Amino acid sequence: MADTPADTLRAAAKLLRGRAAIAQDSVSTDSYWSSYNPATAWHDGVTNGFGGPTSPYITLMPPPVGHLIADWLEAEAQRETYTLAEFGYRSATKQAIATARAILDSRDS
């Protein structure tokens, strides 16, 4: 686990961004799915046999959503670092830190 809340947030953002990129690349480069809009390809690829019973959930979390969550975690880390250095207090929200920890804890699942 990372040393500070900002480290935890950055580590989770990096992990999430990497996994989202791999997922998007697998849809974008597949010869069948490459003709689709990336969001449609993600939904169709998952619901047409790749996701099983988790498909309705997985289609709500396409790679672009993962990138947006990573952006949020990075912004929280930047704000945490700034407020701690400039004002001496922590500012990362409990929700952001909990999200980051859940992402990091699930990496080996």
PDB file of N, CA and C in Angstrom:
ATOM      1  N   MET A   1       0.859  -1.183   0.000  1.00  0.00           N
ATOM      2  CA  MET A   1       0.000   0.000   0.000  1.00  0.00           C
ATOM      3  C   MET A   1       0.890   1.226   0.000  1.00  0.00           C
ATOM      4  N   ALA A   2       0.390   2.282  -0.528  1.00  0.00           N
ATOM      5  CA  ALA A   2       1.131   3.536  -0.643  1.00  0.00           C
ATOM      6  C   ALA A   2       1.300   4.197   0.725  1.00  0.00           C
ATOM      7  N   ASP A   3       2.236   5.149   0.813  1.00  0.00           N
ATOM      8  CA  ASP A   3       2.576   5.780   2.079  1.00  0.00           C
ATOM      9  C   ASP A   3       1.588   6.850   2.539  1.00  0.00           C
ATOM     10  N   THR A   4       1.124   7.709   1.662  1.00  0.00           N
ATOM     11  CA  THR A   4       0.249   8.811   2.031  1.00  0.00           C
ATOM     12  C   THR A   4      -1.068   8.689   1.267  1.00  0.00           C
ATOM     13  N   PRO A   5      -2.101   9.438   1.687  1.00  0.00           N
ATOM     14  CA  PRO A   5      -3.337   9.414   0.902  1.00  0.00           C
ATOM     15  C   PRO A   5      -3.102   9.816  -0.561  1.00  0.00           C
ATOM     16  N   ALA A   6      -2.266  10.808  -0.786  1.00  0.00           N
ATOM     17  CA  ALA A   6      -1.986  11.223  -2.168  1.00  0.00           C
ATOM     18  C   ALA A   6      -1.312  10.105  -2.949  1.00  0.00           C
ATOM     19  N   ASP A   7      -0.392   9.379  -2.312  1.00  0.00           N
ATOM     20  CA  ASP A   7       0.258   8.236  -2.966  1.00  0.00           C
ATOM     21  C   ASP A   7      -0.763   7.153  -3.308  1.00  0.00           C
ATOM     22  N   THR A   8      -1.687   6.896  -2.384  1.00  0.00           N
ATOM     23  CA  THR A   8      -2.726   5.892  -2.610  1.00  0.00           C
ATOM     24  C   THR A   8      -3.600   6.288  -3.793  1.00  0.00           C
ATOM     25  N   LEU A   9      -3.997   7.549  -3.825  1.00  0.00           N
ATOM     26  CA  LEU A   9      -4.832   8.042  -4.924  1.00  0.00           C
ATOM     27  C   LEU A   9      -4.115   7.933  -6.264  1.00  0.00           C
ATOM     28  N   ARG A  10      -2.856   8.322  -6.289  1.00  0.00           N
ATOM     29  CA  ARG A  10      -2.087   8.250  -7.548  1.00  0.00           C
ATOM     30  C   ARG A  10      -1.868   6.812  -8.001  1.00  0.00           C
ATOM     31  N   ALA A  11      -1.578   5.922  -7.053  1.00  0.00           N
ATOM     32  CA  ALA A  11      -1.360   4.516  -7.405  1.00  0.00           C
ATOM     33  C   ALA A  11      -2.626   3.897  -7.985  1.00  0.00           C
ATOM     34  N   ALA A  12      -3.766   4.206  -7.386  1.00  0.00           N
ATOM     35  CA  ALA A  12      -5.031   3.664  -7.898  1.00  0.00           C
ATOM     36  C   ALA A  12      -5.352   4.242  -9.267  1.00  0.00           C
ATOM     37  N   ALA A  13      -5.112   5.530  -9.452  1.00  0.00           N
ATOM     38  CA  ALA A  13      -5.364   6.160 -10.748  1.00  0.00           C
ATOM     39  C   ALA A  13      -4.496   5.519 -11.825  1.00  0.00           C
ATOM     40  N   LYS A  14      -3.247   5.278 -11.509  1.00  0.00           N
ATOM     41  CA  LYS A  14      -2.327   4.660 -12.474  1.00  0.00           C
ATOM     42  C   LYS A  14      -2.792   3.248 -12.835  1.00  0.00           C
ATOM     43  N   LEU A  15      -3.164   2.475 -11.828  1.00  0.00           N
ATOM     44  CA  LEU A  15      -3.639   1.114 -12.070  1.00  0.00           C
ATOM     45  C   LEU A  15      -4.911   1.120 -12.914  1.00  0.00           C
ATOM     46  N   LEU A  16      -5.861   1.958 -12.540  1.00  0.00           N
ATOM     47  CA  LEU A  16      -7.124   2.021 -13.264  1.00  0.00           C
ATOM     48  C   LEU A  16      -6.918   2.488 -14.700  1.00  0.00           C
ATOM     49  N   ARG A  17      -6.101   3.494 -14.894  1.00  0.00           N
ATOM     50  CA  ARG A  17      -5.840   4.008 -16.241  1.00  0.00           C
ATOM     51  C   ARG A  17      -5.167   2.922 -17.110  1.00  0.00           C
ATOM     52  N   GLY A  18      -4.246   2.182 -16.529  1.00  0.00           N
ATOM     53  CA  GLY A  18      -3.581   1.109 -17.276  1.00  0.00           C
ATOM     54  C   GLY A  18      -4.536   0.005 -17.685  1.00  0.00           C
ATOM     55  N   ARG A  19      -5.386  -0.415 -16.744  1.00  0.00           N
ATOM     56  CA  ARG A  19      -6.348  -1.469 -17.065  1.00  0.00           C
ATOM     57  C   ARG A  19      -7.387  -0.996 -18.077  1.00  0.00           C
ATOM     58  N   ALA A  20      -7.811   0.268 -17.956  1.00  0.00           N
ATOM     59  CA  ALA A  20      -8.780   0.813 -18.918  1.00  0.00           C
ATOM     60  C   ALA A  20      -8.170   0.872 -20.311  1.00  0.00           C
ATOM     61  N   ALA A  21      -6.905   1.240 -20.397  1.00  0.00           N
ATOM     62  CA  ALA A  21      -6.227   1.307 -21.696  1.00  0.00           C
ATOM     63  C   ALA A  21      -6.123  -0.082 -22.325  1.00  0.00           C
ATOM     64  N   ILE A  22      -5.793  -1.076 -21.529  1.00  0.00           N
ATOM     65  CA  ILE A  22      -5.705  -2.449 -22.045  1.00  0.00           C
ATOM     66  C   ILE A  22      -7.067  -2.909 -22.542  1.00  0.00           C
ATOM     67  N   ALA A  23      -8.114  -2.632 -21.759  1.00  0.00           N
ATOM     68  CA  ALA A  23      -9.466  -3.039 -22.166  1.00  0.00           C
ATOM     69  C   ALA A  23      -9.873  -2.344 -23.452  1.00  0.00           C
ATOM     70  N   GLN A  24      -9.604  -1.047 -23.548  1.00  0.00           N
ATOM     71  CA  GLN A  24      -9.974  -0.303 -24.751  1.00  0.00           C
ATOM     72  C   GLN A  24      -9.184  -0.797 -25.959  1.00  0.00           C
ATOM     73  N   ASP A  25      -7.890  -1.057 -25.765  1.00  0.00           N
ATOM     74  CA  ASP A  25      -7.072  -1.559 -26.873  1.00  0.00           C
ATOM     75  C   ASP A  25      -7.568  -2.907 -27.366  1.00  0.00           C
ATOM     76  N   SER A  26      -8.029  -3.752 -26.454  1.00  0.00           N
ATOM     77  CA  SER A  26      -8.496  -5.073 -26.877  1.00  0.00           C
ATOM     78  C   SER A  26      -9.756  -4.962 -27.716  1.00  0.00           C
ATOM     79  N   VAL A  27     -10.591  -3.959 -27.456  1.00  0.00           N
ATOM     80  CA  VAL A  27     -11.789  -3.740 -28.262  1.00  0.00           C
ATOM     81  C   VAL A  27     -11.415  -3.047 -29.565  1.00  0.00           C
ATOM     82  N   SER A  28     -10.539  -2.060 -29.488  1.00  0.00           N
ATOM     83  CA  SER A  28     -10.197  -1.246 -30.657  1.00  0.00           C
ATOM     84  C   SER A  28      -9.424  -2.015 -31.715  1.00  0.00           C
ATOM     85  N   THR A  29      -8.616  -2.995 -31.313  1.00  0.00           N
ATOM     86  CA  THR A  29      -7.761  -3.682 -32.280  1.00  0.00           C
ATOM     87  C   THR A  29      -8.344  -4.984 -32.792  1.00  0.00           C
ATOM     88  N   ASP A  30      -9.377  -5.487 -32.137  1.00  0.00           N
ATOM     89  CA  ASP A  30     -10.011  -6.707 -32.593  1.00  0.00           C
ATOM     90  C   ASP A  30     -10.629  -6.455 -33.969  1.00  0.00           C
ATOM     91  N   SER A  31     -10.380  -7.339 -34.918  1.00  0.00           N
ATOM     92  CA  SER A  31     -10.828  -7.098 -36.294  1.00  0.00           C
ATOM     93  C   SER A  31     -12.350  -6.974 -36.396  1.00  0.00           C
ATOM     94  N   TYR A  32     -13.087  -7.725 -35.607  1.00  0.00           N
ATOM     95  CA  TYR A  32     -14.537  -7.646 -35.680  1.00  0.00           C
ATOM     96  C   TYR A  32     -15.053  -6.377 -35.037  1.00  0.00           C
ATOM     97  N   TRP A  33     -14.573  -6.053 -33.819  1.00  0.00           N
ATOM     98  CA  TRP A  33     -15.096  -4.921 -33.068  1.00  0.00           C
ATOM     99  C   TRP A  33     -14.534  -3.581 -33.536  1.00  0.00           C
ATOM    100  N   SER A  34     -13.448  -3.589 -34.294  1.00  0.00           N
ATOM    101  CA  SER A  34     -12.802  -2.324 -34.656  1.00  0.00           C
ATOM    102  C   SER A  34     -13.664  -1.432 -35.545  1.00  0.00           C
ATOM    103  N   SER A  35     -14.659  -1.999 -36.207  1.00  0.00           N
ATOM    104  CA  SER A  35     -15.522  -1.184 -37.058  1.00  0.00           C
ATOM    105  C   SER A  35     -16.581  -0.430 -36.250  1.00  0.00           C
ATOM    106  N   TYR A  36     -16.698  -0.738 -34.977  1.00  0.00           N
ATOM    107  CA  TYR A  36     -17.696  -0.119 -34.116  1.00  0.00           C
ATOM    108  C   TYR A  36     -17.178   1.151 -33.456  1.00  0.00           C
ATOM    109  N   ASN A  37     -18.105   2.006 -33.070  1.00  0.00           N
ATOM    110  CA  ASN A  37     -17.802   3.100 -32.156  1.00  0.00           C
ATOM    111  C   ASN A  37     -17.269   2.449 -30.876  1.00  0.00           C
ATOM    112  N   PRO A  38     -16.184   2.973 -30.264  1.00  0.00           N
ATOM    113  CA  PRO A  38     -15.609   2.316 -29.083  1.00  0.00           C
ATOM    114  C   PRO A  38     -16.611   2.046 -27.965  1.00  0.00           C
ATOM    115  N   ALA A  39     -17.514   2.987 -27.676  1.00  0.00           N
ATOM    116  CA  ALA A  39     -18.488   2.766 -26.607  1.00  0.00           C
ATOM    117  C   ALA A  39     -19.450   1.649 -26.987  1.00  0.00           C
ATOM    118  N   THR A  40     -19.889   1.633 -28.240  1.00  0.00           N
ATOM    119  CA  THR A  40     -20.784   0.578 -28.711  1.00  0.00           C
ATOM    120  C   THR A  40     -20.059  -0.760 -28.729  1.00  0.00           C
ATOM    121  N   ALA A  41     -18.808  -0.756 -29.155  1.00  0.00           N
ATOM    122  CA  ALA A  41     -18.034  -1.998 -29.201  1.00  0.00           C
ATOM    123  C   ALA A  41     -17.880  -2.580 -27.813  1.00  0.00           C
ATOM    124  N   TRP A  42     -17.626  -1.728 -26.841  1.00  0.00           N
ATOM    125  CA  TRP A  42     -17.479  -2.207 -25.459  1.00  0.00           C
ATOM    126  C   TRP A  42     -18.780  -2.856 -25.009  1.00  0.00           C
ATOM    127  N   HIS A  43     -19.890  -2.168 -25.205  1.00  0.00           N
ATOM    128  CA  HIS A  43     -21.192  -2.699 -24.787  1.00  0.00           C
ATOM    129  C   HIS A  43     -21.515  -3.985 -25.535  1.00  0.00           C
ATOM    130  N   ASP A  44     -21.389  -3.973 -26.848  1.00  0.00           N
ATOM    131  CA  ASP A  44     -21.736  -5.154 -27.636  1.00  0.00           C
ATOM    132  C   ASP A  44     -20.796  -6.321 -27.360  1.00  0.00           C
ATOM    133  N   GLY A  45     -19.516  -6.037 -27.209  1.00  0.00           N
ATOM    134  CA  GLY A  45     -18.559  -7.102 -26.936  1.00  0.00           C
ATOM    135  C   GLY A  45     -18.831  -7.782 -25.612  1.00  0.00           C
ATOM    136  N   VAL A  46     -19.181  -7.011 -24.617  1.00  0.00           N
ATOM    137  CA  VAL A  46     -19.459  -7.576 -23.296  1.00  0.00           C
ATOM    138  C   VAL A  46     -20.783  -8.323 -23.298  1.00  0.00           C
ATOM    139  N   THR A  47     -21.806  -7.729 -23.867  1.00  0.00           N
ATOM    140  CA  THR A  47     -23.127  -8.359 -23.809  1.00  0.00           C
ATOM    141  C   THR A  47     -23.291  -9.518 -24.772  1.00  0.00           C
ATOM    142  N   ASN A  48     -22.433  -9.626 -25.766  1.00  0.00           N
ATOM    143  CA  ASN A  48     -22.538 -10.734 -26.717  1.00  0.00           C
ATOM    144  C   ASN A  48     -21.609 -11.884 -26.369  1.00  0.00           C
ATOM    145  N   GLY A  49     -21.467 -12.153 -25.097  1.00  0.00           N
ATOM    146  CA  GLY A  49     -20.772 -13.364 -24.701  1.00  0.00           C
ATOM    147  C   GLY A  49     -19.533 -13.198 -23.865  1.00  0.00           C
ATOM    148  N   PHE A  50     -19.001 -11.998 -23.733  1.00  0.00           N
ATOM    149  CA  PHE A  50     -17.763 -11.863 -22.979  1.00  0.00           C
ATOM    150  C   PHE A  50     -17.994 -11.635 -21.490  1.00  0.00           C
ATOM    151  N   GLY A  51     -19.126 -11.110 -21.109  1.00  0.00           N
ATOM    152  CA  GLY A  51     -19.326 -10.707 -19.725  1.00  0.00           C
ATOM    153  C   GLY A  51     -20.156 -11.636 -18.882  1.00  0.00           C
ATOM    154  N   GLY A  52     -20.960 -12.482 -19.493  1.00  0.00           N
ATOM    155  CA  GLY A  52     -21.820 -13.368 -18.732  1.00  0.00           C
ATOM    156  C   GLY A  52     -22.816 -12.585 -17.886  1.00  0.00           C
ATOM    157  N   PRO A  53     -23.128 -13.094 -16.682  1.00  0.00           N
ATOM    158  CA  PRO A  53     -24.130 -12.455 -15.853  1.00  0.00           C
ATOM    159  C   PRO A  53     -23.728 -11.072 -15.339  1.00  0.00           C
ATOM    160  N   THR A  54     -22.467 -10.721 -15.426  1.00  0.00           N
ATOM    161  CA  THR A  54     -22.036  -9.396 -14.960  1.00  0.00           C
ATOM    162  C   THR A  54     -22.114  -8.339 -16.057  1.00  0.00           C
ATOM    163  N   SER A  55     -22.553  -8.717 -17.237  1.00  0.00           N
ATOM    164  CA  SER A  55     -22.591  -7.780 -18.363  1.00  0.00           C
ATOM    165  C   SER A  55     -23.314  -6.472 -18.079  1.00  0.00           C
ATOM    166  N   PRO A  56     -24.504  -6.472 -17.456  1.00  0.00           N
ATOM    167  CA  PRO A  56     -25.164  -5.188 -17.205  1.00  0.00           C
ATOM    168  C   PRO A  56     -24.309  -4.239 -16.361  1.00  0.00           C
ATOM    169  N   TYR A  57     -23.571  -4.783 -15.404  1.00  0.00           N
ATOM    170  CA  TYR A  57     -22.698  -3.932 -14.589  1.00  0.00           C
ATOM    171  C   TYR A  57     -21.473  -3.480 -15.392  1.00  0.00           C
ATOM    172  N   ILE A  58     -20.844  -4.405 -16.073  1.00  0.00           N
ATOM    173  CA  ILE A  58     -19.617  -4.099 -16.799  1.00  0.00           C
ATOM    174  C   ILE A  58     -19.854  -3.042 -17.878  1.00  0.00           C
ATOM    175  N   THR A  59     -21.004  -3.075 -18.528  1.00  0.00           N
ATOM    176  CA  THR A  59     -21.252  -2.098 -19.583  1.00  0.00           C
ATOM    177  C   THR A  59     -21.404  -0.680 -19.040  1.00  0.00           C
ATOM    178  N   LEU A  60     -21.645  -0.535 -17.745  1.00  0.00           N
ATOM    179  CA  LEU A  60     -21.680   0.795 -17.133  1.00  0.00           C
ATOM    180  C   LEU A  60     -20.281   1.323 -16.852  1.00  0.00           C
ATOM    181  N   MET A  61     -19.259   0.496 -17.005  1.00  0.00           N
ATOM    182  CA  MET A  61     -17.896   0.869 -16.680  1.00  0.00           C
ATOM    183  C   MET A  61     -16.970   0.648 -17.872  1.00  0.00           C
ATOM    184  N   PRO A  62     -17.262   1.286 -19.021  1.00  0.00           N
ATOM    185  CA  PRO A  62     -16.365   1.134 -20.163  1.00  0.00           C
ATOM    186  C   PRO A  62     -15.050   1.874 -19.897  1.00  0.00           C
ATOM    187  N   PRO A  63     -14.023   1.616 -20.684  1.00  0.00           N
ATOM    188  CA  PRO A  63     -12.729   2.268 -20.470  1.00  0.00           C
ATOM    189  C   PRO A  63     -12.787   3.786 -20.310  1.00  0.00           C
ATOM    190  N   PRO A  64     -13.586   4.530 -21.082  1.00  0.00           N
ATOM    191  CA  PRO A  64     -13.608   5.981 -20.861  1.00  0.00           C
ATOM    192  C   PRO A  64     -14.060   6.373 -19.449  1.00  0.00           C
ATOM    193  N   VAL A  65     -14.958   5.595 -18.851  1.00  0.00           N
ATOM    194  CA  VAL A  65     -15.381   5.878 -17.478  1.00  0.00           C
ATOM    195  C   VAL A  65     -14.217   5.614 -16.518  1.00  0.00           C
ATOM    196  N   GLY A  66     -13.488   4.556 -16.764  1.00  0.00           N
ATOM    197  CA  GLY A  66     -12.306   4.278 -15.949  1.00  0.00           C
ATOM    198  C   GLY A  66     -11.297   5.414 -16.010  1.00  0.00           C
ATOM    199  N   HIS A  67     -11.109   5.976 -17.206  1.00  0.00           N
ATOM    200  CA  HIS A  67     -10.187   7.113 -17.343  1.00  0.00           C
ATOM    201  C   HIS A  67     -10.690   8.335 -16.578  1.00  0.00           C
ATOM    202  N   LEU A  68     -11.996   8.561 -16.595  1.00  0.00           N
ATOM    203  CA  LEU A  68     -12.550   9.696 -15.853  1.00  0.00           C
ATOM    204  C   LEU A  68     -12.394   9.516 -14.342  1.00  0.00           C
ATOM    205  N   ILE A  69     -12.582   8.309 -13.858  1.00  0.00           N
ATOM    206  CA  ILE A  69     -12.379   8.053 -12.432  1.00  0.00           C
ATOM    207  C   ILE A  69     -10.908   8.236 -12.085  1.00  0.00           C
ATOM    208  N   ALA A  70     -10.021   7.788 -12.953  1.00  0.00           N
ATOM    209  CA  ALA A  70      -8.587   8.003 -12.728  1.00  0.00           C
ATOM    210  C   ALA A  70      -8.265   9.490 -12.693  1.00  0.00           C
ATOM    211  N   ASP A  71      -8.872  10.272 -13.576  1.00  0.00           N
ATOM    212  CA  ASP A  71      -8.678  11.729 -13.560  1.00  0.00           C
ATOM    213  C   ASP A  71      -9.112  12.316 -12.222  1.00  0.00           C
ATOM    214  N   TRP A  72     -10.259  11.878 -11.716  1.00  0.00           N
ATOM    215  CA  TRP A  72     -10.769  12.355 -10.422  1.00  0.00           C
ATOM    216  C   TRP A  72      -9.800  12.010  -9.298  1.00  0.00           C
ATOM    217  N   LEU A  73      -9.311  10.774  -9.282  1.00  0.00           N
ATOM    218  CA  LEU A  73      -8.368  10.371  -8.234  1.00  0.00           C
ATOM    219  C   LEU A  73      -7.085  11.192  -8.304  1.00  0.00           C
ATOM    220  N   GLU A  74      -6.592  11.444  -9.512  1.00  0.00           N
ATOM    221  CA  GLU A  74      -5.390  12.269  -9.661  1.00  0.00           C
ATOM    222  C   GLU A  74      -5.632  13.701  -9.194  1.00  0.00           C
ATOM    223  N   ALA A  75      -6.808  14.250  -9.483  1.00  0.00           N
ATOM    224  CA  ALA A  75      -7.135  15.609  -9.023  1.00  0.00           C
ATOM    225  C   ALA A  75      -7.205  15.654  -7.499  1.00  0.00           C
ATOM    226  N   GLU A  76      -7.778  14.631  -6.894  1.00  0.00           N
ATOM    227  CA  GLU A  76      -7.821  14.550  -5.428  1.00  0.00           C
ATOM    228  C   GLU A  76      -6.407  14.478  -4.852  1.00  0.00           C
ATOM    229  N   ALA A  77      -5.532  13.714  -5.494  1.00  0.00           N
ATOM    230  CA  ALA A  77      -4.146  13.609  -5.030  1.00  0.00           C
ATOM    231  C   ALA A  77      -3.432  14.948  -5.132  1.00  0.00           C
ATOM    232  N   GLN A  78      -3.643  15.646  -6.234  1.00  0.00           N
ATOM    233  CA  GLN A  78      -3.008  16.950  -6.422  1.00  0.00           C
ATOM    234  C   GLN A  78      -3.509  17.944  -5.360  1.00  0.00           C
ATOM    235  N   ARG A  79      -4.806  17.950  -5.111  1.00  0.00           N
ATOM    236  CA  ARG A  79      -5.367  18.852  -4.105  1.00  0.00           C
ATOM    237  C   ARG A  79      -4.854  18.498  -2.715  1.00  0.00           C
ATOM    238  N   GLU A  80      -4.786  17.211  -2.412  1.00  0.00           N
ATOM    239  CA  GLU A  80      -4.269  16.742  -1.119  1.00  0.00           C
ATOM    240  C   GLU A  80      -2.829  17.213  -0.919  1.00  0.00           C
ATOM    241  N   THR A  81      -1.999  17.032  -1.928  1.00  0.00           N
ATOM    242  CA  THR A  81      -0.594  17.444  -1.840  1.00  0.00           C
ATOM    243  C   THR A  81      -0.478  18.945  -1.633  1.00  0.00           C
ATOM    244  N   TYR A  82      -1.259  19.717  -2.380  1.00  0.00           N
ATOM    245  CA  TYR A  82      -1.202  21.177  -2.286  1.00  0.00           C
ATOM    246  C   TYR A  82      -1.669  21.667  -0.917  1.00  0.00           C
ATOM    247  N   THR A  83      -2.821  21.215  -0.475  1.00  0.00           N
ATOM    248  CA  THR A  83      -3.339  21.738   0.796  1.00  0.00           C
ATOM    249  C   THR A  83      -2.477  21.315   1.976  1.00  0.00           C
ATOM    250  N   LEU A  84      -1.897  20.136   1.914  1.00  0.00           N
ATOM    251  CA  LEU A  84      -1.013  19.705   2.994  1.00  0.00           C
ATOM    252  C   LEU A  84       0.248  20.556   3.015  1.00  0.00           C
ATOM    253  N   ALA A  85       0.823  20.817   1.848  1.00  0.00           N
ATOM    254  CA  ALA A  85       2.057  21.612   1.780  1.00  0.00           C
ATOM    255  C   ALA A  85       1.811  23.088   2.115  1.00  0.00           C
ATOM    256  N   GLU A  86       0.735  23.646   1.609  1.00  0.00           N
ATOM    257  CA  GLU A  86       0.482  25.078   1.770  1.00  0.00           C
ATOM    258  C   GLU A  86      -0.222  25.448   3.071  1.00  0.00           C
ATOM    259  N   PHE A  87      -1.136  24.588   3.519  1.00  0.00           N
ATOM    260  CA  PHE A  87      -1.970  24.952   4.655  1.00  0.00           C
ATOM    261  C   PHE A  87      -1.873  23.992   5.836  1.00  0.00           C
ATOM    262  N   GLY A  88      -1.190  22.879   5.634  1.00  0.00           N
ATOM    263  CA  GLY A  88      -0.965  21.934   6.725  1.00  0.00           C
ATOM    264  C   GLY A  88      -2.141  21.039   7.068  1.00  0.00           C
ATOM    265  N   TYR A  89      -3.099  20.893   6.163  1.00  0.00           N
ATOM    266  CA  TYR A  89      -4.197  19.966   6.452  1.00  0.00           C
ATOM    267  C   TYR A  89      -4.474  19.076   5.252  1.00  0.00           C
ATOM    268  N   ARG A  90      -5.097  17.947   5.536  1.00  0.00           N
ATOM    269  CA  ARG A  90      -5.443  16.981   4.493  1.00  0.00           C
ATOM    270  C   ARG A  90      -6.789  17.346   3.895  1.00  0.00           C
ATOM    271  N   SER A  91      -6.918  17.147   2.590  1.00  0.00           N
ATOM    272  CA  SER A  91      -8.155  17.538   1.924  1.00  0.00           C
ATOM    273  C   SER A  91      -8.792  16.437   1.078  1.00  0.00           C
ATOM    274  N   ALA A  92      -8.103  15.326   0.904  1.00  0.00           N
ATOM    275  CA  ALA A  92      -8.679  14.254   0.088  1.00  0.00           C
ATOM    276  C   ALA A  92      -9.946  13.737   0.762  1.00  0.00           C
ATOM    277  N   THR A  93     -10.991  13.545  -0.015  1.00  0.00           N
ATOM    278  CA  THR A  93     -12.245  13.080   0.559  1.00  0.00           C
ATOM    279  C   THR A  93     -12.154  11.608   0.956  1.00  0.00           C
ATOM    280  N   LYS A  94     -12.950  11.241   1.933  1.00  0.00           N
ATOM    281  CA  LYS A  94     -13.003   9.838   2.365  1.00  0.00           C
ATOM    282  C   LYS A  94     -13.437   8.946   1.205  1.00  0.00           C
ATOM    283  N   GLN A  95     -14.346   9.454   0.388  1.00  0.00           N
ATOM    284  CA  GLN A  95     -14.840   8.666  -0.742  1.00  0.00           C
ATOM    285  C   GLN A  95     -13.734   8.393  -1.765  1.00  0.00           C
ATOM    286  N   ALA A  96     -12.917   9.392  -2.037  1.00  0.00           N
ATOM    287  CA  ALA A  96     -11.826   9.206  -2.996  1.00  0.00           C
ATOM    288  C   ALA A  96     -10.807   8.200  -2.467  1.00  0.00           C
ATOM    289  N   ILE A  97     -10.458   8.337  -1.204  1.00  0.00           N
ATOM    290  CA  ILE A  97      -9.479   7.407  -0.615  1.00  0.00           C
ATOM    291  C   ILE A  97     -10.057   5.998  -0.560  1.00  0.00           C
ATOM    292  N   ALA A  98     -11.323   5.858  -0.193  1.00  0.00           N
ATOM    293  CA  ALA A  98     -11.957   4.534  -0.162  1.00  0.00           C
ATOM    294  C   ALA A  98     -12.011   3.920  -1.559  1.00  0.00           C
ATOM    295  N   THR A  99     -12.314   4.735  -2.557  1.00  0.00           N
ATOM    296  CA  THR A  99     -12.334   4.247  -3.941  1.00  0.00           C
ATOM    297  C   THR A  99     -10.946   3.779  -4.357  1.00  0.00           C
ATOM    298  N   ALA A 100      -9.932   4.576  -4.046  1.00  0.00           N
ATOM    299  CA  ALA A 100      -8.554   4.217  -4.392  1.00  0.00           C
ATOM    300  C   ALA A 100      -8.141   2.917  -3.710  1.00  0.00           C
ATOM    301  N   ARG A 101      -8.459   2.785  -2.446  1.00  0.00           N
ATOM    302  CA  ARG A 101      -8.095   1.554  -1.712  1.00  0.00           C
ATOM    303  C   ARG A 101      -8.824   0.337  -2.283  1.00  0.00           C
ATOM    304  N   ALA A 102     -10.088   0.506  -2.642  1.00  0.00           N
ATOM    305  CA  ALA A 102     -10.838  -0.613  -3.234  1.00  0.00           C
ATOM    306  C   ALA A 102     -10.229  -1.034  -4.564  1.00  0.00           C
ATOM    307  N   ILE A 103      -9.815  -0.064  -5.361  1.00  0.00           N
ATOM    308  CA  ILE A 103      -9.170  -0.372  -6.644  1.00  0.00           C
ATOM    309  C   ILE A 103      -7.867  -1.124  -6.397  1.00  0.00           C
ATOM    310  N   LEU A 104      -7.049  -0.617  -5.484  1.00  0.00           N
ATOM    311  CA  LEU A 104      -5.762  -1.255  -5.205  1.00  0.00           C
ATOM    312  C   LEU A 104      -5.943  -2.632  -4.586  1.00  0.00           C
ATOM    313  N   ASP A 105      -6.938  -2.791  -3.725  1.00  0.00           N
ATOM    314  CA  ASP A 105      -7.181  -4.095  -3.094  1.00  0.00           C
ATOM    315  C   ASP A 105      -7.695  -5.136  -4.084  1.00  0.00           C
ATOM    316  N   SER A 106      -8.319  -4.686  -5.166  1.00  0.00           N
ATOM    317  CA  SER A 106      -8.883  -5.620  -6.140  1.00  0.00           C
ATOM    318  C   SER A 106      -7.907  -5.971  -7.253  1.00  0.00           C
ATOM    319  N   ARG A 107      -6.735  -5.392  -7.255  1.00  0.00           N
ATOM    320  CA  ARG A 107      -5.804  -5.590  -8.378  1.00  0.00           C
ATOM    321  C   ARG A 107      -5.366  -7.039  -8.554  1.00  0.00           C
ATOM    322  N   ASP A 108      -5.377  -7.816  -7.488  1.00  0.00           N
ATOM    323  CA  ASP A 108      -4.954  -9.205  -7.591  1.00  0.00           C
ATOM    324  C   ASP A 108      -6.119 -10.162  -7.749  1.00  0.00           C
ATOM    325  N   SER A 109      -7.325  -9.600  -7.815  1.00  0.00           N
ATOM    326  CA  SER A 109      -8.522 -10.452  -7.920  1.00  0.00           C
ATOM    327  C   SER A 109      -8.678 -10.989  -9.315  1.00  0.00           C
TER     328      SER A 109
END
